[in-house]
Each structure stands twice: as C-alpha cells, then as structure tokens.
Protein backbone atom coordinates (compact mmCIF):
# COMPACT_ATOMS: atom_id res chain seq x y z
CA MET A 1 18.45 0.96 0.28
CA ALA A 2 16.10 -1.84 1.36
CA SER A 3 16.12 -5.07 -0.63
CA VAL A 4 13.28 -6.57 -2.66
CA ASP A 5 12.83 -9.17 0.10
CA GLU A 6 12.57 -6.42 2.74
CA CYS A 7 9.91 -4.66 0.65
CA ARG A 8 8.02 -7.93 0.18
CA GLN A 9 8.16 -8.50 3.95
CA ALA A 10 6.97 -4.95 4.64
CA LEU A 11 3.91 -5.60 2.46
CA ARG A 12 3.28 -8.88 4.32
CA ASP A 13 3.51 -6.97 7.60
CA LEU A 14 1.02 -4.42 6.28
CA ALA A 15 -1.32 -7.23 5.20
CA ASP A 16 -1.08 -8.77 8.68
CA ARG A 17 -1.90 -5.43 10.33
CA LEU A 18 -4.89 -4.89 8.05
CA ASP A 19 -6.08 -8.45 8.80
CA ARG A 20 -6.04 -7.71 12.52
CA ASN A 21 -8.11 -4.55 11.97
CA ALA A 22 -10.41 -5.90 9.24
CA GLU A 23 -13.43 -6.64 11.40
CA THR A 24 -13.75 -3.10 12.71
CA VAL A 25 -12.75 -1.43 9.45
CA ARG A 26 -15.04 -3.50 7.23
CA GLU A 27 -18.09 -1.84 8.74
CA ARG A 28 -16.76 1.63 7.83
CA VAL A 29 -14.93 0.97 4.56
CA ASP A 30 -16.38 -0.81 1.56
CA LEU A 31 -13.41 -0.94 -0.79
CA ASP A 32 -12.52 -3.63 -3.33
CA ARG A 33 -9.76 -2.40 -5.63
CA THR A 34 -6.65 -3.67 -7.33
CA LEU A 35 -3.40 -2.26 -5.98
CA ALA A 36 0.05 -1.84 -7.47
CA CYS A 37 3.04 -0.94 -5.31
CA ARG A 38 5.96 0.29 -7.41
CA ILE A 39 9.40 0.47 -5.82
CA THR A 40 11.21 3.16 -7.78
CA ASP A 41 14.80 2.61 -6.68
CA LEU A 42 14.67 -1.17 -7.18
CA ASP A 43 12.78 -1.06 -10.48
CA THR A 44 10.37 -3.66 -9.16
CA ALA A 45 6.70 -3.84 -8.22
CA PHE A 46 4.12 -5.88 -6.37
CA HIS A 47 0.41 -6.12 -6.93
CA GLY A 48 -2.67 -7.44 -5.18
CA ARG A 49 -6.10 -6.38 -4.02
CA ILE A 50 -7.65 -4.49 -1.16
CA ALA A 51 -10.89 -6.24 -0.23
CA ASP A 52 -12.99 -6.08 2.94
CA GLY A 53 -10.32 -4.09 4.75
CA ARG A 54 -7.63 -6.64 3.88
CA LEU A 55 -4.62 -6.67 1.57
CA VAL A 56 -4.86 -9.96 -0.32
CA GLU A 57 -3.31 -11.81 -3.23
CA MET A 58 -0.03 -9.87 -3.04
CA THR A 59 2.45 -11.13 -5.58
CA ASP A 60 5.51 -9.94 -7.46
CA GLY A 61 5.09 -7.87 -10.60
CA ASP A 62 3.25 -4.76 -11.69
CA ASP A 63 -0.40 -4.31 -12.60
CA PRO A 64 -0.59 -1.39 -15.01
CA LYS A 65 -4.40 -1.42 -14.77
CA ALA A 66 -4.50 -1.24 -10.95
CA LYS A 67 -7.12 1.16 -9.62
CA ILE A 68 -4.75 2.26 -6.84
CA ALA A 69 -1.04 2.75 -7.56
CA LEU A 70 1.53 3.59 -4.92
CA SER A 71 5.07 4.57 -5.96
CA THR A 72 7.90 5.08 -3.50
CA SER A 73 11.47 4.13 -2.71
CA SER A 74 12.30 0.90 -0.91
CA ASP A 75 13.41 2.69 2.27
CA ASP A 76 10.27 4.83 2.35
CA LEU A 77 8.00 1.79 1.91
CA VAL A 78 9.66 0.05 4.85
CA ALA A 79 9.48 3.25 6.95
CA LEU A 80 5.79 3.72 6.11
CA VAL A 81 4.87 0.21 7.17
CA ARG A 82 6.92 0.48 10.39
CA GLY A 83 5.15 3.75 11.23
CA GLU A 84 8.38 5.74 11.01
CA LEU A 85 7.10 7.85 8.10
CA ASP A 86 3.70 9.56 8.10
CA VAL A 87 1.85 8.86 4.86
CA THR A 88 0.33 12.34 4.65
CA ARG A 89 3.71 14.03 5.04
CA ALA A 90 5.32 11.56 2.64
CA VAL A 91 2.75 12.36 -0.06
CA ALA A 92 3.05 16.11 0.56
CA SER A 93 6.84 15.94 0.24
CA HIS A 94 6.61 13.75 -2.90
CA ARG A 95 8.38 10.83 -1.26
CA VAL A 96 5.27 8.76 -1.93
CA SER A 97 2.90 9.04 -4.86
CA ILE A 98 -0.59 7.55 -4.69
CA LYS A 99 -2.73 7.51 -7.81
CA ALA A 100 -6.37 6.75 -7.16
CA SER A 101 -9.75 8.35 -7.46
CA PRO A 102 -10.53 10.92 -4.75
CA PHE A 103 -13.26 8.61 -3.46
CA ASP A 104 -10.80 5.70 -3.17
CA LEU A 105 -8.23 7.94 -1.46
CA MET A 106 -10.73 8.82 1.26
CA LYS A 107 -11.54 5.16 1.86
CA LEU A 108 -7.89 4.18 1.76
CA ARG A 109 -7.10 6.77 4.41
CA LYS A 110 -9.61 5.12 6.75
CA LEU A 111 -7.82 1.79 6.34
CA LEU A 112 -4.43 3.17 7.25
C-alpha cells in the first residue's frame, strides 16, 4: 500500500506532466472543473482544479461538491500516474471510479 505522501507526490507528478502538455492541450480542451481524488484504502482525499489543461491548487482534503471525483486505491493511483495502469482498463475493472458528466469525461480523456 502506497503512503499518503506517495499519493501526494503522484498527484504532483501528474500536475507536472499536464503543465508540460498544457499549451497543446489547451487548444483542444476547454475544461475548468473542480476535482476530488479519494484514496479508498487510506481514507484520505485531495482536491484541486483542472483549468486550461493544468491540474492546479491541489491540496489535502475532500471536496464533496467537486464536479469530477476520482476514487481509487493508493497503489492504483501511483500506478496510473506512472503509466503502469491503463485508465480505461482500470475503470472497466472497477479499480478506479470516475464520477463526472459524460461531457467532462470526454474532455478529461483528451487531457490524459
């Protein structure tokens, strides 16, 4: 099981990757939504915003009103960010749950 710090670092790594791709993605994806990332096996969460192709304002704690909510285990979050776990397969196998509008899901897919 990954630690809270490892999950926090994984989200920072994801934010860095999205920052590097933001210029090209911004032209294709207009998405400004709140995001909650819930780590089920650690009973912890993080929240922030996706804006202009970037993951910003990530901080500890949940946001029950987030427009996009991702729930997964600590190990699966780390594996997703490292590219060791395919997000489509993870959702299909119920290892990852993403709650969002269908429109937001399509835009989110373009970011990842």
